[in-house]
Amino acid sequence: QVQLVESGGRLVQAGASLRLSCVASGRRFGDYIMAWFRQVPGKEREFVASISGGGLSTEYLNSVKGRFIISRNNKYNILYLQANRLEPGDTAVYYCAAAQNDNYRDREPQHYDYWGQGTQVTVSS
């Protein structure tokens, strides 16, 4: 069992940066693929980025590639998303998720076993 708690979301202007954090409780954090998803009302949950258990491999949504960086600290059970050069289109509730599989490129929400409650990111133009 893994519990996930996100933080760091807030209202910012376009071009600003944010760092989202996700603290995980439970053992063997390094055994899980971790990912960030986002969702706006009326739309499906969208994959943003994922990272392998050891943190050496990452995958990104094309529209955030070069602007966002996913990372993890397995010693302290924390997942991060550094979001730079934010755009109004990045406005969404951001969720972290954990999966017990070995495919760090997995973009399907239904393949993730544990979810946080979400943190709101709002980017004004």
C-alpha atoms as a PDB file:
ATOM      1  CA  GLN A   1       0.000   0.000   0.000  1.00  0.00           C
ATOM      2  CA  VAL A   2       1.280   3.447  -0.949  1.00  0.00           C
ATOM      3  CA  GLN A   3      -0.173   6.799   0.032  1.00  0.00           C
ATOM      4  CA  LEU A   4       0.691   9.852  -2.047  1.00  0.00           C
ATOM      5  CA  VAL A   5       0.354  13.520  -1.098  1.00  0.00           C
ATOM      6  CA  GLU A   6       1.044  16.289  -3.610  1.00  0.00           C
ATOM      7  CA  SER A   7       1.886  19.900  -2.888  1.00  0.00           C
ATOM      8  CA  GLY A   8       3.270  22.975  -4.615  1.00  0.00           C
ATOM      9  CA  GLY A   9       0.461  24.012  -6.911  1.00  0.00           C
ATOM     10  CA  ARG A  10      -0.630  27.648  -7.003  1.00  0.00           C
ATOM     11  CA  LEU A  11      -1.577  30.575  -9.247  1.00  0.00           C
ATOM     12  CA  VAL A  12       1.313  31.903 -11.345  1.00  0.00           C
ATOM     13  CA  GLN A  13       1.783  34.073 -14.408  1.00  0.00           C
ATOM     14  CA  ALA A  14       2.783  32.691 -17.792  1.00  0.00           C
ATOM     15  CA  GLY A  15       6.525  32.162 -18.007  1.00  0.00           C
ATOM     16  CA  ALA A  16       6.921  31.409 -14.312  1.00  0.00           C
ATOM     17  CA  SER A  17       8.247  28.213 -12.750  1.00  0.00           C
ATOM     18  CA  LEU A  18       6.849  25.862 -10.114  1.00  0.00           C
ATOM     19  CA  ARG A  19       8.114  22.763  -8.367  1.00  0.00           C
ATOM     20  CA  LEU A  20       5.489  20.193  -7.478  1.00  0.00           C
ATOM     21  CA  SER A  21       6.260  17.578  -4.843  1.00  0.00           C
ATOM     22  CA  CYS A  22       4.688  14.230  -4.042  1.00  0.00           C
ATOM     23  CA  VAL A  23       5.548  12.539  -0.758  1.00  0.00           C
ATOM     24  CA  ALA A  24       4.994   8.791  -0.617  1.00  0.00           C
ATOM     25  CA  SER A  25       4.415   6.702   2.471  1.00  0.00           C
ATOM     26  CA  GLY A  26       4.993   2.988   2.577  1.00  0.00           C
ATOM     27  CA  ARG A  27       7.963   0.795   1.957  1.00  0.00           C
ATOM     28  CA  ARG A  28      10.031   0.187  -1.152  1.00  0.00           C
ATOM     29  CA  PHE A  29       9.300   3.466  -2.925  1.00  0.00           C
ATOM     30  CA  GLY A  30      12.057   2.609  -5.397  1.00  0.00           C
ATOM     31  CA  ASP A  31      10.083  -0.397  -6.634  1.00  0.00           C
ATOM     32  CA  TYR A  32       7.425   1.816  -8.194  1.00  0.00           C
ATOM     33  CA  ILE A  33       7.267   3.560 -11.511  1.00  0.00           C
ATOM     34  CA  MET A  34       6.145   7.104 -10.698  1.00  0.00           C
ATOM     35  CA  ALA A  35       4.307   9.549 -12.896  1.00  0.00           C
ATOM     36  CA  TRP A  36       2.585  12.912 -13.056  1.00  0.00           C
ATOM     37  CA  PHE A  37      -0.795  13.290 -14.739  1.00  0.00           C
ATOM     38  CA  ARG A  38      -3.021  16.331 -15.077  1.00  0.00           C
ATOM     39  CA  GLN A  39      -6.705  16.911 -15.614  1.00  0.00           C
ATOM     40  CA  VAL A  40      -8.987  19.804 -16.469  1.00  0.00           C
ATOM     41  CA  PRO A  41     -12.774  19.684 -15.980  1.00  0.00           C
ATOM     42  CA  GLY A  42     -14.540  17.855 -18.769  1.00  0.00           C
ATOM     43  CA  LYS A  43     -11.395  16.227 -20.130  1.00  0.00           C
ATOM     44  CA  GLU A  44      -9.665  12.921 -19.559  1.00  0.00           C
ATOM     45  CA  ARG A  45      -6.677  12.637 -17.272  1.00  0.00           C
ATOM     46  CA  GLU A  46      -3.550  13.339 -19.317  1.00  0.00           C
ATOM     47  CA  PHE A  47      -0.089  11.834 -18.909  1.00  0.00           C
ATOM     48  CA  VAL A  48       2.620  14.436 -18.246  1.00  0.00           C
ATOM     49  CA  ALA A  49       5.804  12.578 -17.284  1.00  0.00           C
ATOM     50  CA  SER A  50       7.045   9.339 -15.761  1.00  0.00           C
ATOM     51  CA  ILE A  51      10.236   8.015 -14.225  1.00  0.00           C
ATOM     52  CA  SER A  52      11.712   4.589 -13.618  1.00  0.00           C
ATOM     53  CA  GLY A  53      12.202   3.163 -10.145  1.00  0.00           C
ATOM     54  CA  GLY A  54      15.873   4.043 -10.022  1.00  0.00           C
ATOM     55  CA  GLY A  55      15.313   7.471 -11.537  1.00  0.00           C
ATOM     56  CA  LEU A  56      17.562   6.985 -14.554  1.00  0.00           C
ATOM     57  CA  SER A  57      14.871   6.827 -17.251  1.00  0.00           C
ATOM     58  CA  THR A  58      12.145   9.341 -17.975  1.00  0.00           C
ATOM     59  CA  GLU A  59       9.303   9.896 -20.406  1.00  0.00           C
ATOM     60  CA  TYR A  60       7.478  13.143 -21.249  1.00  0.00           C
ATOM     61  CA  LEU A  61       4.385  14.439 -22.986  1.00  0.00           C
ATOM     62  CA  ASN A  62       5.608  16.209 -26.124  1.00  0.00           C
ATOM     63  CA  SER A  63       4.146  19.565 -25.155  1.00  0.00           C
ATOM     64  CA  VAL A  64       6.140  19.678 -21.886  1.00  0.00           C
ATOM     65  CA  LYS A  65       9.392  18.200 -23.167  1.00  0.00           C
ATOM     66  CA  GLY A  66      12.194  20.710 -22.602  1.00  0.00           C
ATOM     67  CA  ARG A  67      10.121  22.673 -20.065  1.00  0.00           C
ATOM     68  CA  PHE A  68       9.310  20.118 -17.343  1.00  0.00           C
ATOM     69  CA  ILE A  69      11.675  17.824 -15.463  1.00  0.00           C
ATOM     70  CA  ILE A  70      10.583  14.819 -13.441  1.00  0.00           C
ATOM     71  CA  SER A  71      12.880  13.514 -10.713  1.00  0.00           C
ATOM     72  CA  ARG A  72      12.752  11.447  -7.552  1.00  0.00           C
ATOM     73  CA  ASN A  73      14.572  11.052  -4.261  1.00  0.00           C
ATOM     74  CA  ASN A  74      14.280   7.436  -3.187  1.00  0.00           C
ATOM     75  CA  LYS A  75      15.987   8.060   0.140  1.00  0.00           C
ATOM     76  CA  TYR A  76      13.213  10.424   1.235  1.00  0.00           C
ATOM     77  CA  ASN A  77      10.354   8.949  -0.853  1.00  0.00           C
ATOM     78  CA  ILE A  78       9.673  12.139  -2.803  1.00  0.00           C
ATOM     79  CA  LEU A  79       8.716  12.659  -6.438  1.00  0.00           C
ATOM     80  CA  TYR A  80       9.196  16.080  -8.064  1.00  0.00           C
ATOM     81  CA  LEU A  81       8.009  17.893 -11.143  1.00  0.00           C
ATOM     82  CA  GLN A  82       9.953  21.028 -12.013  1.00  0.00           C
ATOM     83  CA  ALA A  83       7.694  22.987 -14.356  1.00  0.00           C
ATOM     84  CA  ASN A  84       9.390  25.861 -16.194  1.00  0.00           C
ATOM     85  CA  ARG A  85       8.127  28.430 -18.716  1.00  0.00           C
ATOM     86  CA  LEU A  86       4.553  27.660 -17.723  1.00  0.00           C
ATOM     87  CA  GLU A  87       1.799  28.374 -20.232  1.00  0.00           C
ATOM     88  CA  PRO A  88      -1.955  28.919 -19.703  1.00  0.00           C
ATOM     89  CA  GLY A  89      -2.481  25.512 -21.347  1.00  0.00           C
ATOM     90  CA  ASP A  90      -0.670  23.912 -18.386  1.00  0.00           C
ATOM     91  CA  THR A  91      -3.526  24.908 -16.082  1.00  0.00           C
ATOM     92  CA  ALA A  92      -4.915  21.734 -14.484  1.00  0.00           C
ATOM     93  CA  VAL A  93      -5.059  19.652 -11.350  1.00  0.00           C
ATOM     94  CA  TYR A  94      -1.790  17.714 -11.204  1.00  0.00           C
ATOM     95  CA  TYR A  95      -1.748  14.193  -9.753  1.00  0.00           C
ATOM     96  CA  CYS A  96       1.118  11.910  -8.893  1.00  0.00           C
ATOM     97  CA  ALA A  97       0.680   8.183  -9.395  1.00  0.00           C
ATOM     98  CA  ALA A  98       2.553   4.970  -8.649  1.00  0.00           C
ATOM     99  CA  ALA A  99       2.614   1.726 -10.593  1.00  0.00           C
ATOM    100  CA  GLN A 100       4.045  -1.682  -9.770  1.00  0.00           C
ATOM    101  CA  ASN A 101       5.293  -2.575 -13.215  1.00  0.00           C
ATOM    102  CA  ASP A 102       8.540  -2.285 -15.135  1.00  0.00           C
ATOM    103  CA  ASN A 103       7.365  -0.081 -18.009  1.00  0.00           C
ATOM    104  CA  TYR A 104       8.398   3.469 -17.149  1.00  0.00           C
ATOM    105  CA  ARG A 105       6.931   4.643 -20.487  1.00  0.00           C
ATOM    106  CA  ASP A 106       3.408   3.618 -19.503  1.00  0.00           C
ATOM    107  CA  ARG A 107       1.028   6.535 -20.202  1.00  0.00           C
ATOM    108  CA  GLU A 108      -2.234   4.818 -19.349  1.00  0.00           C
ATOM    109  CA  PRO A 109      -3.881   6.021 -16.110  1.00  0.00           C
ATOM    110  CA  GLN A 110      -5.609   2.666 -15.618  1.00  0.00           C
ATOM    111  CA  HIS A 111      -2.214   0.967 -15.267  1.00  0.00           C
ATOM    112  CA  TYR A 112      -1.326   3.031 -12.189  1.00  0.00           C
ATOM    113  CA  ASP A 113      -2.253   1.559  -8.820  1.00  0.00           C
ATOM    114  CA  TYR A 114      -2.055   4.497  -6.408  1.00  0.00           C
ATOM    115  CA  TRP A 115      -2.990   8.166  -6.753  1.00  0.00           C
ATOM    116  CA  GLY A 116      -2.660  11.341  -4.750  1.00  0.00           C
ATOM    117  CA  GLN A 117      -5.458  13.837  -4.166  1.00  0.00           C
ATOM    118  CA  GLY A 118      -4.093  16.376  -6.645  1.00  0.00           C
ATOM    119  CA  THR A 119      -2.731  19.922  -6.500  1.00  0.00           C
ATOM    120  CA  GLN A 120      -4.125  22.828  -8.553  1.00  0.00           C
ATOM    121  CA  VAL A 121      -1.829  24.684 -10.944  1.00  0.00           C
ATOM    122  CA  THR A 122      -3.287  27.813 -12.542  1.00  0.00           C
ATOM    123  CA  VAL A 123      -1.307  29.797 -15.112  1.00  0.00           C
ATOM    124  CA  SER A 124      -2.629  33.243 -15.997  1.00  0.00           C
ATOM    125  CA  SER A 125      -1.835  34.954 -19.290  1.00  0.00           C
END
